[in-house]
C-alpha atoms as a PDB file:
ATOM      1  CA  MET A   1       0.000   0.000   0.000  1.00  0.00           C
ATOM      2  CA  ILE A   2       1.188   3.521  -0.853  1.00  0.00           C
ATOM      3  CA  THR A   3      -1.625   5.645   0.539  1.00  0.00           C
ATOM      4  CA  LYS A   4      -1.461   9.307  -0.445  1.00  0.00           C
ATOM      5  CA  ALA A   5      -4.034  11.857   0.696  1.00  0.00           C
ATOM      6  CA  PHE A   6      -5.402  14.811  -1.268  1.00  0.00           C
ATOM      7  CA  ALA A   7      -7.999  17.546  -0.891  1.00  0.00           C
ATOM      8  CA  CYS A   8      -9.809  17.749  -4.241  1.00  0.00           C
ATOM      9  CA  ILE A   9     -12.357  19.890  -6.065  1.00  0.00           C
ATOM     10  CA  ASN A  10     -13.869  19.079  -9.466  1.00  0.00           C
ATOM     11  CA  LEU A  11     -13.488  22.078 -11.795  1.00  0.00           C
ATOM     12  CA  ASN A  12     -16.804  21.217 -13.463  1.00  0.00           C
ATOM     13  CA  SER A  13     -19.227  23.140 -11.236  1.00  0.00           C
ATOM     14  CA  GLN A  14     -22.294  21.222 -12.443  1.00  0.00           C
ATOM     15  CA  GLU A  15     -20.791  17.839 -11.591  1.00  0.00           C
ATOM     16  CA  ARG A  16     -19.604  19.163  -8.259  1.00  0.00           C
ATOM     17  CA  THR A  17     -23.054  20.528  -7.401  1.00  0.00           C
ATOM     18  CA  ARG A  18     -24.616  17.110  -8.044  1.00  0.00           C
ATOM     19  CA  SER A  19     -22.026  15.435  -5.825  1.00  0.00           C
ATOM     20  CA  SER A  20     -21.985  15.136  -2.047  1.00  0.00           C
ATOM     21  CA  SER A  21     -18.685  16.951  -1.639  1.00  0.00           C
ATOM     22  CA  GLY A  22     -15.967  17.748  -4.184  1.00  0.00           C
ATOM     23  CA  GLY A  23     -17.222  15.756  -7.174  1.00  0.00           C
ATOM     24  CA  ILE A  24     -14.339  13.325  -7.672  1.00  0.00           C
ATOM     25  CA  TYR A  25     -16.331  10.137  -8.249  1.00  0.00           C
ATOM     26  CA  PRO A  26     -17.804  11.264 -11.619  1.00  0.00           C
ATOM     27  CA  LEU A  27     -14.321  12.093 -12.913  1.00  0.00           C
ATOM     28  CA  LEU A  28     -13.053   8.613 -12.078  1.00  0.00           C
ATOM     29  CA  ALA A  29     -16.173   7.105 -13.607  1.00  0.00           C
ATOM     30  CA  HIS A  30     -15.894   9.216 -16.789  1.00  0.00           C
ATOM     31  CA  GLU A  31     -12.352   8.002 -17.287  1.00  0.00           C
ATOM     32  CA  ILE A  32     -13.370   4.347 -17.042  1.00  0.00           C
ATOM     33  CA  ILE A  33     -16.400   4.765 -19.317  1.00  0.00           C
ATOM     34  CA  ASN A  34     -14.298   6.636 -21.884  1.00  0.00           C
ATOM     35  CA  GLN A  35     -12.077   3.542 -22.046  1.00  0.00           C
ATOM     36  CA  ASN A  36     -15.160   1.448 -22.963  1.00  0.00           C
ATOM     37  CA  GLY A  37     -15.352   0.381 -19.344  1.00  0.00           C
ATOM     38  CA  VAL A  38     -18.286  -0.156 -16.994  1.00  0.00           C
ATOM     39  CA  VAL A  39     -19.188   1.413 -13.652  1.00  0.00           C
ATOM     40  CA  PHE A  40     -21.173  -0.225 -10.852  1.00  0.00           C
ATOM     41  CA  ALA A  41     -22.644   2.201  -8.313  1.00  0.00           C
ATOM     42  CA  ALA A  42     -25.763   2.787  -6.216  1.00  0.00           C
ATOM     43  CA  CYS A  43     -28.827   4.445  -7.770  1.00  0.00           C
ATOM     44  CA  TYR A  44     -32.498   4.885  -6.869  1.00  0.00           C
ATOM     45  CA  ASN A  45     -35.012   2.774  -8.776  1.00  0.00           C
ATOM     46  CA  ASP A  46     -38.591   3.886  -9.512  1.00  0.00           C
ATOM     47  CA  LYS A  47     -39.629   2.853  -5.984  1.00  0.00           C
ATOM     48  CA  LEU A  48     -36.809   4.906  -4.440  1.00  0.00           C
ATOM     49  CA  GLU A  49     -35.071   1.707  -3.377  1.00  0.00           C
ATOM     50  CA  VAL A  50     -31.279   1.873  -3.504  1.00  0.00           C
ATOM     51  CA  VAL A  51     -29.814  -0.667  -5.908  1.00  0.00           C
ATOM     52  CA  HIS A  52     -26.420  -1.159  -7.531  1.00  0.00           C
ATOM     53  CA  GLU A  53     -26.738  -0.509 -11.259  1.00  0.00           C
ATOM     54  CA  THR A  54     -24.553  -1.070 -14.316  1.00  0.00           C
ATOM     55  CA  ILE A  55     -23.537   2.326 -15.727  1.00  0.00           C
ATOM     56  CA  VAL A  56     -22.189   2.842 -19.229  1.00  0.00           C
ATOM     57  CA  ASP A  57     -23.241   6.408 -20.113  1.00  0.00           C
ATOM     58  CA  GLU A  58     -23.707   9.952 -18.826  1.00  0.00           C
ATOM     59  CA  GLN A  59     -27.354   9.454 -17.885  1.00  0.00           C
ATOM     60  CA  GLY A  60     -26.533   6.543 -15.620  1.00  0.00           C
ATOM     61  CA  LEU A  61     -23.598   8.393 -14.142  1.00  0.00           C
ATOM     62  CA  VAL A  62     -25.739  11.382 -13.163  1.00  0.00           C
ATOM     63  CA  ALA A  63     -28.264   9.051 -11.505  1.00  0.00           C
ATOM     64  CA  SER A  64     -25.516   7.456  -9.431  1.00  0.00           C
ATOM     65  CA  GLN A  65     -24.153  10.690  -7.947  1.00  0.00           C
ATOM     66  CA  GLY A  66     -24.904  11.775  -4.418  1.00  0.00           C
ATOM     67  CA  SER A  67     -25.037  10.015  -1.059  1.00  0.00           C
ATOM     68  CA  LYS A  68     -27.763   7.518  -0.313  1.00  0.00           C
ATOM     69  CA  TYR A  69     -28.127   6.686   3.359  1.00  0.00           C
ATOM     70  CA  VAL A  70     -29.690   3.285   2.745  1.00  0.00           C
ATOM     71  CA  CYS A  71     -28.226  -0.205   2.454  1.00  0.00           C
ATOM     72  CA  SER A  72     -28.122  -0.934  -1.287  1.00  0.00           C
ATOM     73  CA  HIS A  73     -29.302  -4.109  -3.019  1.00  0.00           C
ATOM     74  CA  LEU A  74     -26.285  -5.727  -4.695  1.00  0.00           C
ATOM     75  CA  GLY A  75     -28.164  -8.527  -6.410  1.00  0.00           C
ATOM     76  CA  ASP A  76     -25.933 -10.224  -8.998  1.00  0.00           C
ATOM     77  CA  THR A  77     -23.523  -7.289  -9.198  1.00  0.00           C
ATOM     78  CA  PHE A  78     -20.390  -9.290  -8.377  1.00  0.00           C
ATOM     79  CA  THR A  79     -21.130 -11.964 -10.964  1.00  0.00           C
ATOM     80  CA  GLU A  80     -22.009  -9.404 -13.634  1.00  0.00           C
ATOM     81  CA  LEU A  81     -18.877  -7.426 -12.835  1.00  0.00           C
ATOM     82  CA  SER A  82     -16.686 -10.517 -13.128  1.00  0.00           C
ATOM     83  CA  ASN A  83     -18.196 -11.312 -16.545  1.00  0.00           C
ATOM     84  CA  TYR A  84     -17.206  -7.866 -17.820  1.00  0.00           C
ATOM     85  CA  VAL A  85     -13.680  -8.367 -16.506  1.00  0.00           C
ATOM     86  CA  LYS A  86     -13.416 -11.762 -18.187  1.00  0.00           C
ATOM     87  CA  SER A  87     -14.482 -10.123 -21.464  1.00  0.00           C
ATOM     88  CA  GLY A  88     -11.536  -7.728 -21.180  1.00  0.00           C
ATOM     89  CA  ARG A  89     -13.352  -4.540 -20.155  1.00  0.00           C
ATOM     90  CA  ARG A  90     -12.263  -2.261 -17.310  1.00  0.00           C
ATOM     91  CA  VAL A  91     -14.595  -1.902 -14.350  1.00  0.00           C
ATOM     92  CA  LEU A  92     -15.031   0.624 -11.545  1.00  0.00           C
ATOM     93  CA  PHE A  93     -17.011  -0.445  -8.471  1.00  0.00           C
ATOM     94  CA  VAL A  94     -18.157   2.010  -5.793  1.00  0.00           C
ATOM     95  CA  GLY A  95     -19.609   0.788  -2.527  1.00  0.00           C
ATOM     96  CA  THR A  96     -19.415   0.776   1.244  1.00  0.00           C
ATOM     97  CA  PRO A  97     -16.147  -0.472   2.755  1.00  0.00           C
ATOM     98  CA  CYS A  98     -17.775  -3.812   3.621  1.00  0.00           C
ATOM     99  CA  GLN A  99     -19.222  -4.201   0.124  1.00  0.00           C
ATOM    100  CA  CYS A 100     -15.814  -3.465  -1.380  1.00  0.00           C
ATOM    101  CA  ALA A 101     -14.188  -6.015   0.921  1.00  0.00           C
ATOM    102  CA  GLY A 102     -16.776  -8.533  -0.199  1.00  0.00           C
ATOM    103  CA  LEU A 103     -16.001  -7.843  -3.852  1.00  0.00           C
ATOM    104  CA  ILE A 104     -12.249  -8.167  -3.321  1.00  0.00           C
ATOM    105  CA  THR A 105     -12.777 -11.503  -1.561  1.00  0.00           C
ATOM    106  CA  PHE A 106     -15.119 -12.674  -4.332  1.00  0.00           C
ATOM    107  CA  LEU A 107     -12.551 -11.849  -7.041  1.00  0.00           C
ATOM    108  CA  SER A 108      -9.809 -13.621  -5.113  1.00  0.00           C
ATOM    109  CA  GLU A 109     -11.873 -16.769  -4.557  1.00  0.00           C
ATOM    110  CA  LYS A 110     -12.820 -16.849  -8.256  1.00  0.00           C
ATOM    111  CA  HIS A 111      -9.169 -16.308  -9.222  1.00  0.00           C
ATOM    112  CA  ILE A 112     -10.081 -13.158 -11.164  1.00  0.00           C
ATOM    113  CA  SER A 113      -7.290 -10.601 -11.519  1.00  0.00           C
ATOM    114  CA  ARG A 114      -7.879  -7.075 -10.238  1.00  0.00           C
ATOM    115  CA  ASP A 115      -5.770  -5.616 -13.051  1.00  0.00           C
ATOM    116  CA  LYS A 116      -8.881  -4.270 -14.772  1.00  0.00           C
ATOM    117  CA  VAL A 117     -10.845  -3.515 -11.612  1.00  0.00           C
ATOM    118  CA  ILE A 118     -10.809  -0.212  -9.726  1.00  0.00           C
ATOM    119  CA  VAL A 119     -12.468  -0.445  -6.302  1.00  0.00           C
ATOM    120  CA  VAL A 120     -13.645   2.732  -4.545  1.00  0.00           C
ATOM    121  CA  ASP A 121     -14.961   2.792  -1.000  1.00  0.00           C
ATOM    122  CA  PHE A 122     -15.873   5.794   1.114  1.00  0.00           C
ATOM    123  CA  VAL A 123     -15.634   7.082   4.653  1.00  0.00           C
ATOM    124  CA  CYS A 124     -18.725   5.578   6.215  1.00  0.00           C
ATOM    125  CA  HIS A 125     -20.663   6.651   9.288  1.00  0.00           C
ATOM    126  CA  GLY A 126     -22.687   3.440   9.127  1.00  0.00           C
ATOM    127  CA  ILE A 127     -25.439   2.089   6.891  1.00  0.00           C
ATOM    128  CA  PRO A 128     -29.143   2.265   7.847  1.00  0.00           C
ATOM    129  CA  GLY A 129     -31.190  -0.844   7.235  1.00  0.00           C
ATOM    130  CA  ARG A 130     -33.728  -0.816   4.398  1.00  0.00           C
ATOM    131  CA  ARG A 131     -36.689  -1.199   6.777  1.00  0.00           C
ATOM    132  CA  ALA A 132     -35.969   2.224   8.219  1.00  0.00           C
ATOM    133  CA  TRP A 133     -36.014   3.874   4.794  1.00  0.00           C
ATOM    134  CA  ASP A 134     -39.193   1.987   3.876  1.00  0.00           C
ATOM    135  CA  GLY A 135     -40.709   3.196   7.138  1.00  0.00           C
ATOM    136  CA  TYR A 136     -39.882   6.808   6.355  1.00  0.00           C
ATOM    137  CA  LYS A 137     -41.415   6.582   2.859  1.00  0.00           C
ATOM    138  CA  LYS A 138     -44.532   4.949   4.310  1.00  0.00           C
ATOM    139  CA  SER A 139     -44.886   7.728   6.901  1.00  0.00           C
ATOM    140  CA  MET A 140     -44.596  10.395   4.228  1.00  0.00           C
ATOM    141  CA  LYS A 141     -47.218   8.718   2.059  1.00  0.00           C
ATOM    142  CA  ALA A 142     -49.598   8.407   5.013  1.00  0.00           C
ATOM    143  CA  VAL A 143     -49.716  12.204   5.393  1.00  0.00           C
ATOM    144  CA  GLY A 144     -50.150  12.896   1.676  1.00  0.00           C
ATOM    145  CA  GLN A 145     -46.461  13.404   0.891  1.00  0.00           C
ATOM    146  CA  GLU A 146     -45.632  10.442  -1.329  1.00  0.00           C
ATOM    147  CA  LEU A 147     -41.977  10.697  -2.353  1.00  0.00           C
ATOM    148  CA  THR A 148     -41.022  10.565  -6.023  1.00  0.00           C
ATOM    149  CA  ALA A 149     -37.439  11.845  -5.792  1.00  0.00           C
ATOM    150  CA  ILE A 150     -34.889  12.496  -3.064  1.00  0.00           C
ATOM    151  CA  ASN A 151     -31.537  14.224  -2.706  1.00  0.00           C
ATOM    152  CA  MET A 152     -30.128  13.491   0.743  1.00  0.00           C
ATOM    153  CA  ARG A 153     -27.209  15.861   0.234  1.00  0.00           C
ATOM    154  CA  ASP A 154     -28.563  19.007  -1.433  1.00  0.00           C
ATOM    155  CA  LYS A 155     -25.931  21.768  -1.228  1.00  0.00           C
ATOM    156  CA  SER A 156     -28.071  24.793  -2.152  1.00  0.00           C
ATOM    157  CA  SER A 157     -27.793  25.945   1.476  1.00  0.00           C
ATOM    158  CA  GLY A 158     -24.038  25.270   1.671  1.00  0.00           C
ATOM    159  CA  TRP A 159     -21.751  22.401   2.598  1.00  0.00           C
ATOM    160  CA  SER A 160     -19.142  23.392   5.193  1.00  0.00           C
ATOM    161  CA  ASN A 161     -19.677  22.063   8.726  1.00  0.00           C
ATOM    162  CA  GLY A 162     -22.387  19.751   7.471  1.00  0.00           C
ATOM    163  CA  ASN A 163     -24.731  22.611   6.574  1.00  0.00           C
ATOM    164  CA  TYR A 164     -26.335  20.799   3.663  1.00  0.00           C
ATOM    165  CA  SER A 165     -30.015  20.086   3.109  1.00  0.00           C
ATOM    166  CA  TRP A 166     -32.470  17.318   2.279  1.00  0.00           C
ATOM    167  CA  LYS A 167     -34.461  17.864  -0.926  1.00  0.00           C
ATOM    168  CA  GLU A 168     -37.663  15.969  -1.600  1.00  0.00           C
ATOM    169  CA  ALA A 169     -40.095  15.859  -4.518  1.00  0.00           C
ATOM    170  CA  PHE A 170     -43.649  14.602  -4.036  1.00  0.00           C
ATOM    171  CA  ALA A 171     -46.283  12.949  -6.224  1.00  0.00           C
ATOM    172  CA  ASP A 172     -48.396  16.131  -6.277  1.00  0.00           C
ATOM    173  CA  GLY A 173     -45.534  18.062  -7.903  1.00  0.00           C
ATOM    174  CA  ARG A 174     -44.349  19.913  -4.812  1.00  0.00           C
ATOM    175  CA  GLU A 175     -40.733  20.095  -3.703  1.00  0.00           C
ATOM    176  CA  ARG A 176     -39.313  20.764  -0.257  1.00  0.00           C
ATOM    177  CA  ILE A 177     -35.816  21.601   0.953  1.00  0.00           C
ATOM    178  CA  THR A 178     -35.149  21.069   4.663  1.00  0.00           C
ATOM    179  CA  PRO A 179     -31.937  21.711   6.645  1.00  0.00           C
ATOM    180  CA  ARG A 180     -30.542  18.244   7.362  1.00  0.00           C
ATOM    181  CA  ARG A 181     -30.515  18.837  11.131  1.00  0.00           C
ATOM    182  CA  GLU A 182     -34.331  19.126  10.994  1.00  0.00           C
ATOM    183  CA  VAL A 183     -34.890  15.923   8.988  1.00  0.00           C
ATOM    184  CA  ILE A 184     -36.209  13.130  11.170  1.00  0.00           C
ATOM    185  CA  TYR A 185     -34.607  10.386   9.047  1.00  0.00           C
ATOM    186  CA  MET A 186     -31.197  12.034   9.467  1.00  0.00           C
ATOM    187  CA  LYS A 187     -31.744  12.494  13.186  1.00  0.00           C
ATOM    188  CA  GLY A 188     -32.344   8.788  13.574  1.00  0.00           C
ATOM    189  CA  MET A 189     -29.409   7.839  11.390  1.00  0.00           C
ATOM    190  CA  LEU A 190     -26.932  10.136  13.099  1.00  0.00           C
ATOM    191  CA  SER A 191     -28.209   8.863  16.449  1.00  0.00           C
ATOM    192  CA  ASN A 192     -27.230   5.383  15.183  1.00  0.00           C
ATOM    193  CA  LEU A 193     -30.797   4.282  15.840  1.00  0.00           C
ATOM    194  CA  TYR A 194     -31.157   1.976  12.832  1.00  0.00           C
ATOM    195  CA  LEU A 195     -27.647   1.249  11.616  1.00  0.00           C
ATOM    196  CA  ARG A 196     -26.732  -2.363  10.902  1.00  0.00           C
ATOM    197  CA  PRO A 197     -25.164  -4.161  13.918  1.00  0.00           C
ATOM    198  CA  SER A 198     -21.897  -4.734  12.019  1.00  0.00           C
ATOM    199  CA  CYS A 199     -21.421  -0.965  11.768  1.00  0.00           C
ATOM    200  CA  PHE A 200     -20.759  -0.752  15.505  1.00  0.00           C
ATOM    201  CA  GLU A 201     -17.678  -2.970  15.149  1.00  0.00           C
ATOM    202  CA  CYS A 202     -16.627  -2.244  11.576  1.00  0.00           C
ATOM    203  CA  SER A 203     -13.639  -4.284  10.388  1.00  0.00           C
ATOM    204  CA  PHE A 204     -12.798  -1.945   7.513  1.00  0.00           C
ATOM    205  CA  LYS A 205     -11.746   1.300   9.174  1.00  0.00           C
ATOM    206  CA  GLY A 206      -8.328   2.901   8.855  1.00  0.00           C
ATOM    207  CA  VAL A 207      -6.204   4.965   6.495  1.00  0.00           C
ATOM    208  CA  GLU A 208      -4.614   1.945   4.802  1.00  0.00           C
ATOM    209  CA  ARG A 209      -7.168  -0.111   2.858  1.00  0.00           C
ATOM    210  CA  GLU A 210      -7.357  -2.849   0.227  1.00  0.00           C
ATOM    211  CA  THR A 211      -9.332  -0.627  -2.142  1.00  0.00           C
ATOM    212  CA  ASP A 212      -7.776   1.633  -4.790  1.00  0.00           C
ATOM    213  CA  PHE A 213      -9.447   4.811  -3.517  1.00  0.00           C
ATOM    214  CA  THR A 214     -11.293   6.041  -0.453  1.00  0.00           C
ATOM    215  CA  LEU A 215     -13.552   9.083  -0.831  1.00  0.00           C
ATOM    216  CA  GLY A 216     -15.084  11.283   1.827  1.00  0.00           C
ATOM    217  CA  ASP A 217     -15.991  14.760   2.971  1.00  0.00           C
ATOM    218  CA  TYR A 218     -13.028  16.849   4.033  1.00  0.00           C
ATOM    219  CA  TRP A 219     -14.781  18.403   7.012  1.00  0.00           C
ATOM    220  CA  GLY A 220     -12.883  21.243   8.651  1.00  0.00           C
ATOM    221  CA  ILE A 221     -10.590  21.883   5.698  1.00  0.00           C
ATOM    222  CA  GLY A 222     -11.314  25.608   5.895  1.00  0.00           C
ATOM    223  CA  ASN A 223      -9.421  25.721   9.190  1.00  0.00           C
ATOM    224  CA  HIS A 224      -6.070  24.752   7.652  1.00  0.00           C
ATOM    225  CA  LEU A 225      -6.522  24.972   3.857  1.00  0.00           C
ATOM    226  CA  PRO A 226      -8.986  27.880   3.517  1.00  0.00           C
ATOM    227  CA  ASP A 227      -8.358  28.270  -0.217  1.00  0.00           C
ATOM    228  CA  MET A 228      -9.837  24.787  -0.694  1.00  0.00           C
ATOM    229  CA  ASP A 229     -13.150  25.591   0.990  1.00  0.00           C
ATOM    230  CA  ASP A 230     -15.719  27.733  -0.811  1.00  0.00           C
ATOM    231  CA  ASP A 231     -18.703  26.062   0.937  1.00  0.00           C
ATOM    232  CA  LYS A 232     -19.532  24.061  -2.212  1.00  0.00           C
ATOM    233  CA  GLY A 233     -17.858  20.797  -1.216  1.00  0.00           C
ATOM    234  CA  THR A 234     -14.302  19.488  -0.938  1.00  0.00           C
ATOM    235  CA  SER A 235     -13.400  15.826  -1.174  1.00  0.00           C
ATOM    236  CA  LEU A 236     -10.860  13.925   0.850  1.00  0.00           C
ATOM    237  CA  LEU A 237      -9.256  11.446  -1.548  1.00  0.00           C
ATOM    238  CA  LEU A 238      -7.052   8.622  -0.304  1.00  0.00           C
ATOM    239  CA  VAL A 239      -5.148   6.797  -3.054  1.00  0.00           C
ATOM    240  CA  HIS A 240      -3.998   3.356  -1.953  1.00  0.00           C
ATOM    241  CA  THR A 241      -2.514   1.606  -4.990  1.00  0.00           C
ATOM    242  CA  GLU A 242      -0.363   2.151  -8.064  1.00  0.00           C
ATOM    243  CA  ALA A 243      -3.446   1.566 -10.215  1.00  0.00           C
ATOM    244  CA  GLY A 244      -5.220   4.268  -8.225  1.00  0.00           C
ATOM    245  CA  LEU A 245      -2.334   6.700  -8.658  1.00  0.00           C
ATOM    246  CA  LYS A 246      -2.342   6.107 -12.417  1.00  0.00           C
ATOM    247  CA  LEU A 247      -6.067   6.841 -12.636  1.00  0.00           C
ATOM    248  CA  PHE A 248      -5.623   9.901 -10.412  1.00  0.00           C
ATOM    249  CA  GLU A 249      -2.968  11.227 -12.813  1.00  0.00           C
ATOM    250  CA  SER A 250      -5.492  10.965 -15.657  1.00  0.00           C
ATOM    251  CA  ILE A 251      -7.957  13.341 -13.916  1.00  0.00           C
ATOM    252  CA  ARG A 252      -5.470  15.867 -12.507  1.00  0.00           C
ATOM    253  CA  ASP A 253      -6.212  18.421 -15.234  1.00  0.00           C
ATOM    254  CA  HIS A 254      -9.875  18.421 -14.225  1.00  0.00           C
ATOM    255  CA  ILE A 255      -9.395  19.148 -10.523  1.00  0.00           C
ATOM    256  CA  ARG A 256      -7.934  21.609  -8.090  1.00  0.00           C
ATOM    257  CA  PHE A 257      -6.101  19.718  -5.388  1.00  0.00           C
ATOM    258  CA  ALA A 258      -3.675  20.009  -2.511  1.00  0.00           C
ATOM    259  CA  ASP A 259      -1.838  17.531  -0.321  1.00  0.00           C
ATOM    260  CA  ALA A 260      -4.100  16.615   2.569  1.00  0.00           C
ATOM    261  CA  ASN A 261      -3.209  16.671   6.231  1.00  0.00           C
ATOM    262  CA  ILE A 262      -4.504  13.251   7.193  1.00  0.00           C
ATOM    263  CA  LYS A 263      -4.312  14.003  10.915  1.00  0.00           C
ATOM    264  CA  LYS A 264      -6.487  17.085  10.444  1.00  0.00           C
ATOM    265  CA  ALA A 265      -8.830  15.130   8.177  1.00  0.00           C
ATOM    266  CA  ILE A 266      -9.322  12.481  10.875  1.00  0.00           C
ATOM    267  CA  GLU A 267      -9.999  15.176  13.474  1.00  0.00           C
ATOM    268  CA  GLY A 268     -12.890  16.405  11.332  1.00  0.00           C
ATOM    269  CA  ASN A 269     -14.038  12.979  10.183  1.00  0.00           C
ATOM    270  CA  ALA A 270     -13.295  10.419  12.873  1.00  0.00           C
ATOM    271  CA  CYS A 271     -15.180   7.649  11.057  1.00  0.00           C
ATOM    272  CA  ILE A 272     -12.133   7.265   8.821  1.00  0.00           C
ATOM    273  CA  VAL A 273     -10.594   5.233  11.623  1.00  0.00           C
ATOM    274  CA  LYS A 274     -13.298   4.682  14.246  1.00  0.00           C
ATOM    275  CA  SER A 275     -16.561   2.728  14.323  1.00  0.00           C
ATOM    276  CA  THR A 276     -19.694   4.554  15.309  1.00  0.00           C
ATOM    277  CA  GLY A 277     -21.249   4.004  18.736  1.00  0.00           C
ATOM    278  CA  ARG A 278     -24.172   1.681  19.433  1.00  0.00           C
ATOM    279  CA  ASN A 279     -27.547   3.197  20.315  1.00  0.00           C
ATOM    280  CA  ASP A 280     -29.125   1.303  23.200  1.00  0.00           C
ATOM    281  CA  LYS A 281     -32.587   2.063  21.785  1.00  0.00           C
ATOM    282  CA  ARG A 282     -31.954   0.264  18.482  1.00  0.00           C
ATOM    283  CA  ASN A 283     -33.765  -2.943  19.457  1.00  0.00           C
ATOM    284  CA  GLU A 284     -36.712  -0.941  20.752  1.00  0.00           C
ATOM    285  CA  PHE A 285     -36.855   0.981  17.476  1.00  0.00           C
ATOM    286  CA  TYR A 286     -37.105  -2.174  15.364  1.00  0.00           C
ATOM    287  CA  ARG A 287     -39.536  -3.858  17.750  1.00  0.00           C
ATOM    288  CA  ARG A 288     -41.909  -0.913  17.650  1.00  0.00           C
ATOM    289  CA  LEU A 289     -41.477  -0.389  13.889  1.00  0.00           C
ATOM    290  CA  ASN A 290     -42.300  -4.064  13.286  1.00  0.00           C
ATOM    291  CA  ASP A 291     -45.364  -3.644  15.509  1.00  0.00           C
ATOM    292  CA  GLY A 292     -46.648  -1.039  13.069  1.00  0.00           C
ATOM    293  CA  GLU A 293     -45.777   2.269  14.710  1.00  0.00           C
ATOM    294  CA  ASP A 294     -45.395   5.284  12.473  1.00  0.00           C
ATOM    295  CA  PHE A 295     -41.732   5.862  11.607  1.00  0.00           C
ATOM    296  CA  VAL A 296     -41.704   9.636  12.092  1.00  0.00           C
ATOM    297  CA  ALA A 297     -43.507   9.505  15.440  1.00  0.00           C
ATOM    298  CA  LEU A 298     -41.307   6.637  16.610  1.00  0.00           C
ATOM    299  CA  VAL A 299     -37.987   8.284  15.727  1.00  0.00           C
ATOM    300  CA  THR A 300     -39.190  11.575  17.188  1.00  0.00           C
ATOM    301  CA  ASP A 301     -39.958   9.802  20.455  1.00  0.00           C
ATOM    302  CA  LEU A 302     -36.666   7.879  20.607  1.00  0.00           C
ATOM    303  CA  THR A 303     -34.438  10.842  19.674  1.00  0.00           C
ATOM    304  CA  ASN A 304     -36.167  13.417  21.871  1.00  0.00           C
ATOM    305  CA  PRO A 305     -33.374  14.439  24.263  1.00  0.00           C
ATOM    306  CA  SER A 306     -33.800  14.340  27.988  1.00  0.00           C
ATOM    307  CA  PHE A 307     -33.329  17.482  30.049  1.00  0.00           C
ATOM    308  CA  MET A 308     -29.879  16.240  31.117  1.00  0.00           C
ATOM    309  CA  GLY A 309     -28.946  15.504  27.500  1.00  0.00           C
ATOM    310  CA  ARG A 310     -29.948  19.009  26.413  1.00  0.00           C
ATOM    311  CA  ALA A 311     -27.954  20.506  29.268  1.00  0.00           C
ATOM    312  CA  LYS A 312     -24.835  18.522  28.332  1.00  0.00           C
ATOM    313  CA  ARG A 313     -25.092  19.594  24.700  1.00  0.00           C
ATOM    314  CA  MET A 314     -25.526  23.225  25.690  1.00  0.00           C
ATOM    315  CA  VAL A 315     -22.413  23.078  27.872  1.00  0.00           C
ATOM    316  CA  LYS A 316     -20.385  21.383  25.134  1.00  0.00           C
ATOM    317  CA  SER A 317     -21.560  23.927  22.564  1.00  0.00           C
ATOM    318  CA  ARG A 318     -20.468  26.820  24.761  1.00  0.00           C
ATOM    319  CA  LEU A 319     -17.116  25.157  25.460  1.00  0.00           C
ATOM    320  CA  ASN A 320     -16.563  24.651  21.737  1.00  0.00           C
ATOM    321  CA  LYS A 321     -17.247  28.330  21.067  1.00  0.00           C
ATOM    322  CA  LEU A 322     -14.893  29.309  23.880  1.00  0.00           C
ATOM    323  CA  ALA A 323     -12.208  26.976  22.521  1.00  0.00           C
ATOM    324  CA  LYS A 324     -12.460  28.586  19.090  1.00  0.00           C
ATOM    325  CA  SER A 325     -12.198  32.060  20.568  1.00  0.00           C
ATOM    326  CA  LEU A 326      -9.056  30.959  22.443  1.00  0.00           C
ATOM    327  CA  GLY A 327      -7.525  29.356  19.392  1.00  0.00           C
ATOM    328  CA  GLY A 328      -8.189  25.779  20.498  1.00  0.00           C
ATOM    329  CA  GLY A 329      -6.917  26.290  24.042  1.00  0.00           C
ATOM    330  CA  ILE A 330      -9.457  23.922  25.576  1.00  0.00           C
ATOM    331  CA  SER A 331      -8.917  20.175  25.561  1.00  0.00           C
ATOM    332  CA  ASN A 332     -10.348  18.206  22.651  1.00  0.00           C
ATOM    333  CA  THR A 333     -12.247  16.249  25.292  1.00  0.00           C
ATOM    334  CA  TYR A 334     -14.938  18.867  24.902  1.00  0.00           C
ATOM    335  CA  THR A 335     -15.025  18.981  21.117  1.00  0.00           C
ATOM    336  CA  LEU A 336     -18.232  17.780  19.502  1.00  0.00           C
ATOM    337  CA  ASN A 337     -17.905  15.534  16.464  1.00  0.00           C
ATOM    338  CA  THR A 338     -20.884  16.340  14.232  1.00  0.00           C
ATOM    339  CA  SER A 339     -19.404  15.011  11.006  1.00  0.00           C
ATOM    340  CA  ILE A 340     -20.994  12.437   8.709  1.00  0.00           C
ATOM    341  CA  GLU A 341     -19.173  10.472   6.079  1.00  0.00           C
ATOM    342  CA  VAL A 342     -20.280   9.670   2.558  1.00  0.00           C
ATOM    343  CA  ALA A 343     -19.248   9.083  -0.964  1.00  0.00           C
ATOM    344  CA  ALA A 344     -17.923  12.182  -2.616  1.00  0.00           C
END
């Protein structure tokens, strides 16, 4: 492994706007497709389920951009991917760290060379189960807000410090943009209320990985590389292999980039190296959801902070503000980590 870290911004503003952070994934995908290759990445189907699709053109690539906080259906992706490789075509696969590890194991067991395969994972907070997403859609439909489209990382309100939004389109033609901190689905996810159990002891954390690239949000970059933060999204890109470096060289003319400070990146995005914490109410959530309770009401109930919890957060918030005013003079013990990690 030869991991190198970069802060990156796609010079194509339209592609960057559609992306969760700096817009690096579509550049990597373009390069593979332009070589008559194939991309496998997560998209929404017509039921707003998240599924891995085969992408060979611009239309498919656009549909695959953006973060999707739902466990994707892989289906026969690994077998289909291996058939393309056997036919001599290059392939790029994008997935969660555990999905990527599964693919790498699959290729090894089938004795399929990775020479034509580029594997891209991302910095992952944890993956919500599909039942939670189905529950949210059902709740919306029950109050006359049937979802027809979703953007979980709309950046019209900004990006820095996680100040992005949640954009929804409904069957009656209306659209709604909501700050992500006010979205009940995000509240439950970031409270780790319905993440998969394996996410609490993830085996695929760390800077060094078996993938070719790791993508993520470069939270906090404005504090040490201010020229790389215009509040429109900056990607953290970790390049792990010689094949990754070669592909990175092919997109350099399409990006603005700088060497990343990996220590600073981890400070802003701890899920690079650390599993997320378990929520003790997770079992209760699934029990009550399976009993038929409304998703929105249930998550509201389980994430409603106690008086003591509100008091602790208020104290931490004030200490954080004081630390900033003193130039970081207060111990990091009191620093809140409000980052979330996704595909760029």
